[in-house]
C-alpha atoms as a PDB file:
ATOM      1  CA  MET A   1      -0.005   0.008   0.196  1.00  0.00           C
ATOM      2  CA  SER A   2       2.990   2.309  -0.249  1.00  0.00           C
ATOM      3  CA  ILE A   3       4.122   4.902  -2.732  1.00  0.00           C
ATOM      4  CA  GLY A   4       6.847   3.579  -3.697  1.00  0.00           C
ATOM      5  CA  PRO A   5      10.500   3.767  -2.123  1.00  0.00           C
ATOM      6  CA  ALA A   6      11.974   6.316  -0.443  1.00  0.00           C
ATOM      7  CA  GLY A   7      12.480   9.669  -2.321  1.00  0.00           C
ATOM      8  CA  ARG A   8       9.787   7.857  -5.415  1.00  0.00           C
ATOM      9  CA  VAL A   9       6.828  10.163  -5.819  1.00  0.00           C
ATOM     10  CA  ALA A  10       4.189   9.328  -8.061  1.00  0.00           C
ATOM     11  CA  ARG A  11       2.511  11.729  -9.861  1.00  0.00           C
ATOM     12  CA  SER A  12      -1.607  12.553 -10.149  1.00  0.00           C
ATOM     13  CA  THR A  13      -2.660  11.974 -13.965  1.00  0.00           C
ATOM     14  CA  ILE A  14      -4.457  15.526 -13.944  1.00  0.00           C
ATOM     15  CA  SER A  15      -2.537  17.673 -15.380  1.00  0.00           C
ATOM     16  CA  PRO A  16      -3.314  21.648 -15.831  1.00  0.00           C
ATOM     17  CA  HIS A  17      -3.362  23.121 -19.220  1.00  0.00           C
ATOM     18  CA  PRO A  18      -0.676  25.721 -19.348  1.00  0.00           C
ATOM     19  CA  GLU A  19      -3.717  28.206 -20.430  1.00  0.00           C
ATOM     20  CA  THR A  20      -5.355  27.789 -17.153  1.00  0.00           C
ATOM     21  CA  LEU A  21      -2.146  28.640 -15.216  1.00  0.00           C
ATOM     22  CA  ARG A  22      -2.174  32.643 -16.972  1.00  0.00           C
ATOM     23  CA  ARG A  23      -6.000  33.343 -16.426  1.00  0.00           C
ATOM     24  CA  ALA A  24      -7.534  34.609 -13.287  1.00  0.00           C
ATOM     25  CA  PRO A  25      -9.165  31.977 -10.773  1.00  0.00           C
ATOM     26  CA  ARG A  26     -11.878  30.389 -11.923  1.00  0.00           C
ATOM     27  CA  ARG A  27     -15.560  32.280 -10.069  1.00  0.00           C
ATOM     28  CA  ALA A  28     -17.751  29.396 -10.756  1.00  0.00           C
ATOM     29  CA  PRO A  29     -18.554  25.992  -9.097  1.00  0.00           C
ATOM     30  CA  ALA A  30     -17.384  22.634 -10.057  1.00  0.00           C
ATOM     31  CA  ARG A  31     -17.664  19.370  -9.203  1.00  0.00           C
ATOM     32  CA  THR A  32     -15.593  16.419 -11.348  1.00  0.00           C
ATOM     33  CA  PHE A  33     -14.071  12.826 -10.381  1.00  0.00           C
ATOM     34  CA  LEU A  34     -10.274  13.173 -10.441  1.00  0.00           C
ATOM     35  CA  HIS A  35      -7.759  10.033 -11.644  1.00  0.00           C
ATOM     36  CA  THR A  36      -4.737   9.510  -9.082  1.00  0.00           C
ATOM     37  CA  ALA A  37      -2.060   8.382 -10.413  1.00  0.00           C
ATOM     38  CA  ASP A  38      -2.218   4.942  -9.245  1.00  0.00           C
ATOM     39  CA  GLY A  39      -5.762   5.364 -11.271  1.00  0.00           C
ATOM     40  CA  VAL A  40      -7.865   5.362  -8.483  1.00  0.00           C
ATOM     41  CA  PRO A  41     -11.414   8.260  -9.248  1.00  0.00           C
ATOM     42  CA  ILE A  42     -12.011  10.905  -6.672  1.00  0.00           C
ATOM     43  CA  ASP A  43     -14.387  12.449  -6.223  1.00  0.00           C
ATOM     44  CA  ALA A  44     -14.018  16.370  -5.829  1.00  0.00           C
ATOM     45  CA  VAL A  45     -15.370  19.491  -5.360  1.00  0.00           C
ATOM     46  CA  TYR A  46     -14.098  22.998  -6.177  1.00  0.00           C
ATOM     47  CA  GLU A  47     -16.022  26.234  -4.519  1.00  0.00           C
ATOM     48  CA  PRO A  48     -15.130  29.757  -5.693  1.00  0.00           C
ATOM     49  CA  GLY A  49     -14.578  31.843  -2.172  1.00  0.00           C
ATOM     50  CA  ALA A  50     -13.072  35.359  -1.486  1.00  0.00           C
ATOM     51  CA  ALA A  51     -11.554  36.756  -3.931  1.00  0.00           C
ATOM     52  CA  GLY A  52      -7.778  36.515  -4.528  1.00  0.00           C
ATOM     53  CA  ASP A  53      -5.279  33.669  -5.481  1.00  0.00           C
ATOM     54  CA  LEU A  54      -5.325  31.576  -2.357  1.00  0.00           C
ATOM     55  CA  VAL A  55      -7.507  27.842  -2.649  1.00  0.00           C
ATOM     56  CA  VAL A  56      -6.997  25.849   0.631  1.00  0.00           C
ATOM     57  CA  VAL A  57      -7.547  22.212   0.175  1.00  0.00           C
ATOM     58  CA  VAL A  58      -9.278  20.298   2.864  1.00  0.00           C
ATOM     59  CA  ALA A  59      -8.599  16.696   3.637  1.00  0.00           C
ATOM     60  CA  HIS A  60     -11.276  14.972   5.952  1.00  0.00           C
ATOM     61  CA  GLY A  61     -10.474  12.177   8.722  1.00  0.00           C
ATOM     62  CA  PHE A  62     -11.221   8.854   8.014  1.00  0.00           C
ATOM     63  CA  THR A  63     -14.966   7.713   7.490  1.00  0.00           C
ATOM     64  CA  GLY A  64     -15.491  11.323   6.383  1.00  0.00           C
ATOM     65  CA  ASP A  65     -16.231  12.493   2.835  1.00  0.00           C
ATOM     66  CA  ALA A  66     -16.463  15.980   0.915  1.00  0.00           C
ATOM     67  CA  ASP A  67     -20.985  15.933   1.637  1.00  0.00           C
ATOM     68  CA  ARG A  68     -20.055  15.154   5.669  1.00  0.00           C
ATOM     69  CA  PRO A  69     -21.926  18.277   7.445  1.00  0.00           C
ATOM     70  CA  HIS A  70     -18.826  18.884   9.532  1.00  0.00           C
ATOM     71  CA  VAL A  71     -16.431  19.102   6.456  1.00  0.00           C
ATOM     72  CA  ARG A  72     -18.774  21.666   4.813  1.00  0.00           C
ATOM     73  CA  ARG A  73     -18.902  23.727   7.674  1.00  0.00           C
ATOM     74  CA  ALA A  74     -15.177  23.648   7.747  1.00  0.00           C
ATOM     75  CA  ALA A  75     -15.250  24.833   3.622  1.00  0.00           C
ATOM     76  CA  ARG A  76     -17.656  27.647   4.181  1.00  0.00           C
ATOM     77  CA  THR A  77     -15.828  29.420   6.797  1.00  0.00           C
ATOM     78  CA  LEU A  78     -12.501  29.056   5.425  1.00  0.00           C
ATOM     79  CA  ALA A  79     -14.303  30.230   1.939  1.00  0.00           C
ATOM     80  CA  ARG A  80     -13.595  33.394   3.426  1.00  0.00           C
ATOM     81  CA  TYR A  81      -9.896  33.124   2.873  1.00  0.00           C
ATOM     82  CA  GLY A  82     -10.010  31.806  -0.206  1.00  0.00           C
ATOM     83  CA  SER A  83     -11.456  29.210  -2.774  1.00  0.00           C
ATOM     84  CA  VAL A  84     -11.878  26.313  -1.328  1.00  0.00           C
ATOM     85  CA  VAL A  85     -11.425  22.560  -2.543  1.00  0.00           C
ATOM     86  CA  THR A  86     -12.578  19.513  -0.744  1.00  0.00           C
ATOM     87  CA  PHE A  87     -13.022  16.087  -1.561  1.00  0.00           C
ATOM     88  CA  SER A  88     -13.486  12.104  -0.413  1.00  0.00           C
ATOM     89  CA  PHE A  89     -10.538   9.814   0.192  1.00  0.00           C
ATOM     90  CA  ARG A  90     -10.642   6.296  -1.672  1.00  0.00           C
ATOM     91  CA  GLY A  91     -12.594   4.377  -0.261  1.00  0.00           C
ATOM     92  CA  HIS A  92     -14.680   6.925   1.367  1.00  0.00           C
ATOM     93  CA  GLY A  93     -18.340   8.654  -0.022  1.00  0.00           C
ATOM     94  CA  ALA A  94     -18.862   8.049  -3.553  1.00  0.00           C
ATOM     95  CA  SER A  95     -14.736   7.799  -4.584  1.00  0.00           C
ATOM     96  CA  GLY A  96     -13.365   4.557  -6.127  1.00  0.00           C
ATOM     97  CA  GLY A  97     -11.371   2.056  -4.532  1.00  0.00           C
ATOM     98  CA  ARG A  98     -10.453   1.402  -0.579  1.00  0.00           C
ATOM     99  CA  SER A  99      -9.163   3.338   2.714  1.00  0.00           C
ATOM    100  CA  THR A 100      -5.542   2.386   2.760  1.00  0.00           C
ATOM    101  CA  VAL A 101      -5.692   4.268   6.684  1.00  0.00           C
ATOM    102  CA  GLY A 102      -3.298   6.986   5.460  1.00  0.00           C
ATOM    103  CA  ASP A 103      -1.058   5.275   2.918  1.00  0.00           C
ATOM    104  CA  ARG A 104      -1.932   5.785  -0.578  1.00  0.00           C
ATOM    105  CA  GLU A 105      -4.150   8.761   0.509  1.00  0.00           C
ATOM    106  CA  VAL A 106      -1.241  10.944  -0.487  1.00  0.00           C
ATOM    107  CA  LEU A 107      -1.849  10.199  -4.263  1.00  0.00           C
ATOM    108  CA  ASP A 108      -5.767  11.562  -3.750  1.00  0.00           C
ATOM    109  CA  LEU A 109      -4.534  14.860  -2.122  1.00  0.00           C
ATOM    110  CA  ALA A 110      -1.754  15.204  -4.794  1.00  0.00           C
ATOM    111  CA  ALA A 111      -4.355  14.886  -7.404  1.00  0.00           C
ATOM    112  CA  ALA A 112      -6.705  17.564  -5.628  1.00  0.00           C
ATOM    113  CA  VAL A 113      -4.105  19.747  -5.171  1.00  0.00           C
ATOM    114  CA  ASP A 114      -2.836  19.565  -8.944  1.00  0.00           C
ATOM    115  CA  TRP A 115      -6.584  20.233 -10.014  1.00  0.00           C
ATOM    116  CA  ALA A 116      -7.317  23.431  -7.592  1.00  0.00           C
ATOM    117  CA  ARG A 117      -3.573  24.707  -9.227  1.00  0.00           C
ATOM    118  CA  GLY A 118      -5.188  24.430 -12.332  1.00  0.00           C
ATOM    119  CA  PHE A 119      -8.334  26.850 -11.609  1.00  0.00           C
ATOM    120  CA  GLY A 120      -5.713  29.641 -11.672  1.00  0.00           C
ATOM    121  CA  HIS A 121      -4.848  29.684  -8.375  1.00  0.00           C
ATOM    122  CA  ALA A 122      -0.847  30.380  -7.347  1.00  0.00           C
ATOM    123  CA  ARG A 123      -1.004  29.998  -3.663  1.00  0.00           C
ATOM    124  CA  VAL A 124      -2.619  26.697  -1.992  1.00  0.00           C
ATOM    125  CA  ALA A 125      -2.634  25.746   1.582  1.00  0.00           C
ATOM    126  CA  THR A 126      -3.750  22.214   2.565  1.00  0.00           C
ATOM    127  CA  VAL A 127      -5.675  21.532   5.914  1.00  0.00           C
ATOM    128  CA  GLY A 128      -6.243  18.331   7.339  1.00  0.00           C
ATOM    129  CA  PHE A 129      -7.784  16.569  10.025  1.00  0.00           C
ATOM    130  CA  SER A 130      -6.947  13.483  12.033  1.00  0.00           C
ATOM    131  CA  MET A 131      -6.241  11.175   9.052  1.00  0.00           C
ATOM    132  CA  GLY A 132      -6.034  13.890   6.719  1.00  0.00           C
ATOM    133  CA  GLY A 133      -4.289  15.561   9.210  1.00  0.00           C
ATOM    134  CA  SER A 134      -1.170  13.200   8.818  1.00  0.00           C
ATOM    135  CA  VAL A 135      -1.787  12.490   5.191  1.00  0.00           C
ATOM    136  CA  VAL A 136      -1.078  16.327   4.325  1.00  0.00           C
ATOM    137  CA  LEU A 137       2.511  15.974   6.136  1.00  0.00           C
ATOM    138  CA  ARG A 138       3.308  13.490   4.738  1.00  0.00           C
ATOM    139  CA  HIS A 139       2.154  15.237   0.948  1.00  0.00           C
ATOM    140  CA  ALA A 140       4.040  18.502   2.203  1.00  0.00           C
ATOM    141  CA  ALA A 141       7.206  16.204   2.659  1.00  0.00           C
ATOM    142  CA  LEU A 142       7.228  14.362  -0.689  1.00  0.00           C
ATOM    143  CA  TYR A 143       6.041  16.584  -2.881  1.00  0.00           C
ATOM    144  CA  GLY A 144       8.570  19.660  -3.789  1.00  0.00           C
ATOM    145  CA  PRO A 145       8.920  22.720  -5.073  1.00  0.00           C
ATOM    146  CA  ASP A 146       9.009  21.870  -8.595  1.00  0.00           C
ATOM    147  CA  SER A 147       5.855  20.031  -8.558  1.00  0.00           C
ATOM    148  CA  PRO A 148       2.528  20.706  -9.464  1.00  0.00           C
ATOM    149  CA  ALA A 149       0.942  19.371  -6.514  1.00  0.00           C
ATOM    150  CA  ARG A 150       3.127  20.891  -4.210  1.00  0.00           C
ATOM    151  CA  THR A 151       1.501  22.694  -1.512  1.00  0.00           C
ATOM    152  CA  ASP A 152       2.548  26.527   0.072  1.00  0.00           C
ATOM    153  CA  ALA A 153       1.579  26.050   3.902  1.00  0.00           C
ATOM    154  CA  VAL A 154       0.551  23.201   5.485  1.00  0.00           C
ATOM    155  CA  VAL A 155      -2.202  22.796   8.747  1.00  0.00           C
ATOM    156  CA  SER A 156      -2.736  19.263  10.078  1.00  0.00           C
ATOM    157  CA  VAL A 157      -5.118  19.164  12.667  1.00  0.00           C
ATOM    158  CA  SER A 158      -5.345  16.285  15.329  1.00  0.00           C
ATOM    159  CA  ALA A 159      -3.093  14.709  13.690  1.00  0.00           C
ATOM    160  CA  PRO A 160      -0.861  11.282  14.961  1.00  0.00           C
ATOM    161  CA  ALA A 161       2.593  11.386  15.177  1.00  0.00           C
ATOM    162  CA  ARG A 162       3.311   8.370  14.695  1.00  0.00           C
ATOM    163  CA  TRP A 163       1.479   4.780  13.478  1.00  0.00           C
ATOM    164  CA  TYR A 164      -0.058   1.947  15.262  1.00  0.00           C
ATOM    165  CA  TYR A 165      -0.988   4.153  18.338  1.00  0.00           C
ATOM    166  CA  ARG A 166      -3.028   2.185  20.430  1.00  0.00           C
ATOM    167  CA  GLY A 167      -2.797   4.091  23.830  1.00  0.00           C
ATOM    168  CA  THR A 168      -6.589   4.940  24.061  1.00  0.00           C
ATOM    169  CA  ALA A 169     -10.205   3.653  23.425  1.00  0.00           C
ATOM    170  CA  PRO A 170     -10.867   5.446  20.546  1.00  0.00           C
ATOM    171  CA  MET A 171      -7.484   4.078  18.841  1.00  0.00           C
ATOM    172  CA  ARG A 172      -7.985   0.691  20.126  1.00  0.00           C
ATOM    173  CA  ARG A 173     -12.090   0.701  18.494  1.00  0.00           C
ATOM    174  CA  LEU A 174     -10.478   1.797  15.060  1.00  0.00           C
ATOM    175  CA  HIS A 175      -7.847  -0.984  14.893  1.00  0.00           C
ATOM    176  CA  TRP A 176     -10.294  -3.044  15.560  1.00  0.00           C
ATOM    177  CA  LEU A 177     -12.076  -1.783  12.833  1.00  0.00           C
ATOM    178  CA  VAL A 178      -9.263  -1.841  10.154  1.00  0.00           C
ATOM    179  CA  THR A 179      -7.780  -4.877  10.997  1.00  0.00           C
ATOM    180  CA  ARG A 180     -10.354  -7.353  11.700  1.00  0.00           C
ATOM    181  CA  PRO A 181     -13.044  -8.588   8.801  1.00  0.00           C
ATOM    182  CA  GLU A 182     -15.807  -8.134  10.860  1.00  0.00           C
ATOM    183  CA  GLY A 183     -14.947  -4.569  11.878  1.00  0.00           C
ATOM    184  CA  ARG A 184     -14.259  -4.140   7.891  1.00  0.00           C
ATOM    185  CA  ILE A 185     -18.046  -4.905   7.613  1.00  0.00           C
ATOM    186  CA  VAL A 186     -18.831  -2.417   9.932  1.00  0.00           C
ATOM    187  CA  GLY A 187     -16.955   0.426   8.461  1.00  0.00           C
ATOM    188  CA  ARG A 188     -18.873  -0.388   5.128  1.00  0.00           C
ATOM    189  CA  TYR A 189     -21.817  -0.574   6.124  1.00  0.00           C
ATOM    190  CA  GLY A 190     -21.981   1.744   9.665  1.00  0.00           C
ATOM    191  CA  PHE A 191     -19.458   4.478   8.390  1.00  0.00           C
ATOM    192  CA  ARG A 192     -19.493   3.841   4.422  1.00  0.00           C
ATOM    193  CA  THR A 193     -16.257   2.995   4.398  1.00  0.00           C
ATOM    194  CA  ARG A 194     -14.360   0.577   2.527  1.00  0.00           C
ATOM    195  CA  ILE A 195     -11.375  -0.241   4.072  1.00  0.00           C
ATOM    196  CA  HIS A 196      -8.286  -2.220   1.814  1.00  0.00           C
ATOM    197  CA  HIS A 197      -7.543  -5.738   3.699  1.00  0.00           C
ATOM    198  CA  ARG A 198      -3.899  -5.848   3.222  1.00  0.00           C
ATOM    199  CA  ASP A 199      -1.545  -4.250   5.495  1.00  0.00           C
ATOM    200  CA  TRP A 200       0.771  -1.662   4.751  1.00  0.00           C
ATOM    201  CA  ASP A 201       4.110  -3.221   2.818  1.00  0.00           C
ATOM    202  CA  PRO A 202       6.315  -1.182   2.958  1.00  0.00           C
ATOM    203  CA  VAL A 203       5.067   0.862   6.338  1.00  0.00           C
ATOM    204  CA  PRO A 204       5.080   4.391   4.680  1.00  0.00           C
ATOM    205  CA  LEU A 205       7.197   7.088   6.052  1.00  0.00           C
ATOM    206  CA  SER A 206       5.638   8.334   9.449  1.00  0.00           C
ATOM    207  CA  PRO A 207       4.139  11.718   9.919  1.00  0.00           C
ATOM    208  CA  VAL A 208       7.128  13.268  12.796  1.00  0.00           C
ATOM    209  CA  GLU A 209       9.469  11.648  10.280  1.00  0.00           C
ATOM    210  CA  ALA A 210       7.756  13.404   7.027  1.00  0.00           C
ATOM    211  CA  VAL A 211       7.615  16.631   9.422  1.00  0.00           C
ATOM    212  CA  PRO A 212      11.611  17.804   9.177  1.00  0.00           C
ATOM    213  CA  ARG A 213      11.135  17.437   4.980  1.00  0.00           C
ATOM    214  CA  ILE A 214       8.361  20.034   4.851  1.00  0.00           C
ATOM    215  CA  ALA A 215      10.937  23.143   5.671  1.00  0.00           C
ATOM    216  CA  PRO A 216      10.808  25.695   4.414  1.00  0.00           C
ATOM    217  CA  THR A 217       7.137  25.219   3.717  1.00  0.00           C
ATOM    218  CA  PRO A 218       4.924  27.071   6.391  1.00  0.00           C
ATOM    219  CA  LEU A 219       3.515  24.371   8.650  1.00  0.00           C
ATOM    220  CA  LEU A 220       0.618  24.539  11.883  1.00  0.00           C
ATOM    221  CA  VAL A 221       0.326  21.916  14.415  1.00  0.00           C
ATOM    222  CA  VAL A 222      -3.499  22.184  15.820  1.00  0.00           C
ATOM    223  CA  HIS A 223      -4.607  19.849  18.622  1.00  0.00           C
ATOM    224  CA  GLY A 224      -7.211  19.657  21.252  1.00  0.00           C
ATOM    225  CA  ASP A 225      -5.867  19.348  24.921  1.00  0.00           C
ATOM    226  CA  ARG A 226      -9.277  16.802  24.887  1.00  0.00           C
ATOM    227  CA  ASP A 227      -8.688  14.923  22.310  1.00  0.00           C
ATOM    228  CA  GLY A 228      -9.569  11.582  22.874  1.00  0.00           C
ATOM    229  CA  TYR A 229      -7.555   9.748  20.169  1.00  0.00           C
ATOM    230  CA  PHE A 230      -4.308  11.099  20.113  1.00  0.00           C
ATOM    231  CA  PRO A 231      -2.951  12.503  23.810  1.00  0.00           C
ATOM    232  CA  LEU A 232      -0.711  15.740  23.967  1.00  0.00           C
ATOM    233  CA  ASP A 233       2.616  14.121  23.038  1.00  0.00           C
ATOM    234  CA  HIS A 234       1.566  13.576  19.511  1.00  0.00           C
ATOM    235  CA  PRO A 235       1.487  17.029  18.304  1.00  0.00           C
ATOM    236  CA  ARG A 236       4.561  17.947  20.800  1.00  0.00           C
ATOM    237  CA  MET A 237       6.589  15.256  18.707  1.00  0.00           C
ATOM    238  CA  LEU A 238       5.067  16.930  15.629  1.00  0.00           C
ATOM    239  CA  ALA A 239       6.195  20.745  16.796  1.00  0.00           C
ATOM    240  CA  GLU A 240       9.496  19.119  17.944  1.00  0.00           C
ATOM    241  CA  ALA A 241      10.423  17.431  14.702  1.00  0.00           C
ATOM    242  CA  ALA A 242       9.354  20.871  12.997  1.00  0.00           C
ATOM    243  CA  GLY A 243      12.019  23.288  14.658  1.00  0.00           C
ATOM    244  CA  ASP A 244      11.784  26.775  13.785  1.00  0.00           C
ATOM    245  CA  HIS A 245       9.641  26.424  10.924  1.00  0.00           C
ATOM    246  CA  GLY A 246       6.747  25.219  12.437  1.00  0.00           C
ATOM    247  CA  GLU A 247       3.945  26.631  14.881  1.00  0.00           C
ATOM    248  CA  LEU A 248       2.289  24.376  17.675  1.00  0.00           C
ATOM    249  CA  TRP A 249      -1.377  24.996  18.766  1.00  0.00           C
ATOM    250  CA  LEU A 250      -2.675  23.753  21.736  1.00  0.00           C
ATOM    251  CA  GLU A 251      -6.526  24.306  22.088  1.00  0.00           C
ATOM    252  CA  PRO A 252      -8.308  24.406  25.418  1.00  0.00           C
ATOM    253  CA  GLY A 253     -10.960  22.565  25.309  1.00  0.00           C
ATOM    254  CA  MET A 254     -10.883  21.256  21.710  1.00  0.00           C
ATOM    255  CA  GLY A 255     -11.553  17.924  21.245  1.00  0.00           C
ATOM    256  CA  HIS A 256     -11.284  15.788  17.711  1.00  0.00           C
ATOM    257  CA  ALA A 257     -10.391  16.598  14.827  1.00  0.00           C
ATOM    258  CA  GLU A 258     -13.114  18.604  12.424  1.00  0.00           C
ATOM    259  CA  HIS A 259     -16.479  17.803  14.715  1.00  0.00           C
ATOM    260  CA  ALA A 260     -13.919  20.052  17.174  1.00  0.00           C
ATOM    261  CA  CYS A 261     -13.388  23.032  15.473  1.00  0.00           C
ATOM    262  CA  GLY A 262     -15.702  25.766  16.158  1.00  0.00           C
ATOM    263  CA  GLU A 263     -16.261  28.585  13.997  1.00  0.00           C
ATOM    264  CA  GLU A 264     -13.882  31.151  15.476  1.00  0.00           C
ATOM    265  CA  LEU A 265     -10.535  28.167  15.505  1.00  0.00           C
ATOM    266  CA  LEU A 266     -11.436  27.447  11.835  1.00  0.00           C
ATOM    267  CA  ARG A 267     -11.187  31.395  10.796  1.00  0.00           C
ATOM    268  CA  ARG A 268      -7.645  31.968  12.919  1.00  0.00           C
ATOM    269  CA  ILE A 269      -6.619  28.640  10.980  1.00  0.00           C
ATOM    270  CA  GLY A 270      -7.854  30.546   7.531  1.00  0.00           C
ATOM    271  CA  ASP A 271      -6.257  33.981   8.901  1.00  0.00           C
ATOM    272  CA  TRP A 272      -3.010  31.755   9.536  1.00  0.00           C
ATOM    273  CA  ALA A 273      -2.916  30.512   6.055  1.00  0.00           C
ATOM    274  CA  ALA A 274      -3.661  32.976   4.413  1.00  0.00           C
ATOM    275  CA  ALA A 275      -0.881  35.160   5.700  1.00  0.00           C
ATOM    276  CA  ARG A 276       1.394  32.180   5.260  1.00  0.00           C
ATOM    277  CA  ALA A 277       1.021  30.496   1.861  1.00  0.00           C
ATOM    278  CA  GLY A 278       3.257  31.809  -0.733  1.00  0.00           C
END
């Protein structure tokens, strides 16, 4: 389920026409299926927001999708700062394939970012939640400044720092959902999430290993002090790995991921992204 040997990155098959890069950003919404570098169809939505050259690409958490109310709420708030692309990771919503729980999902995000740039936006910020938070970190590390799928600023919310964490009850339940046949049935019919049955081989770059490779791209790590999935050692590990190029916001009273992000926090994230991207 890995994207390949270290240092080798498969690119999205979505390539914007050169003329689209010279025109003003599109002002009409669009919805389509993108095709990733490994051929998976990804349901993606483009919504024009505040005038300007920024587009925010939102990466949802595990069992989410582009049409979930909490994803739509985040998109509406972030549209105050630029246009917004939302999409459903593989195995989620209307997208094809099966979830690899953070491994090949980096190809889904790359396709979405590449598509977003094709609308004429010069600046891209990626904002990811939980599983999506780990994906935006790995994506920024793997797609460098010469790639059309690159990002200009990264916001990782409620992300794990390391793989295979089972230290909380919600994470033990998630591992049962992912690793057991009966769990995957529950995932498919209870959470509308189709999960791949194969183990990672090889194990992908972990979030904390990816963070040092993101520099000099600006990085913001956001985490709640009441996160029931990942305790505070996770964001602190990510912040330490980031060094001077990263910022850490520990949010009092906040729980986990999109559901726990209030309007005020989303606006601060939008302010940060608009100021730091490019």
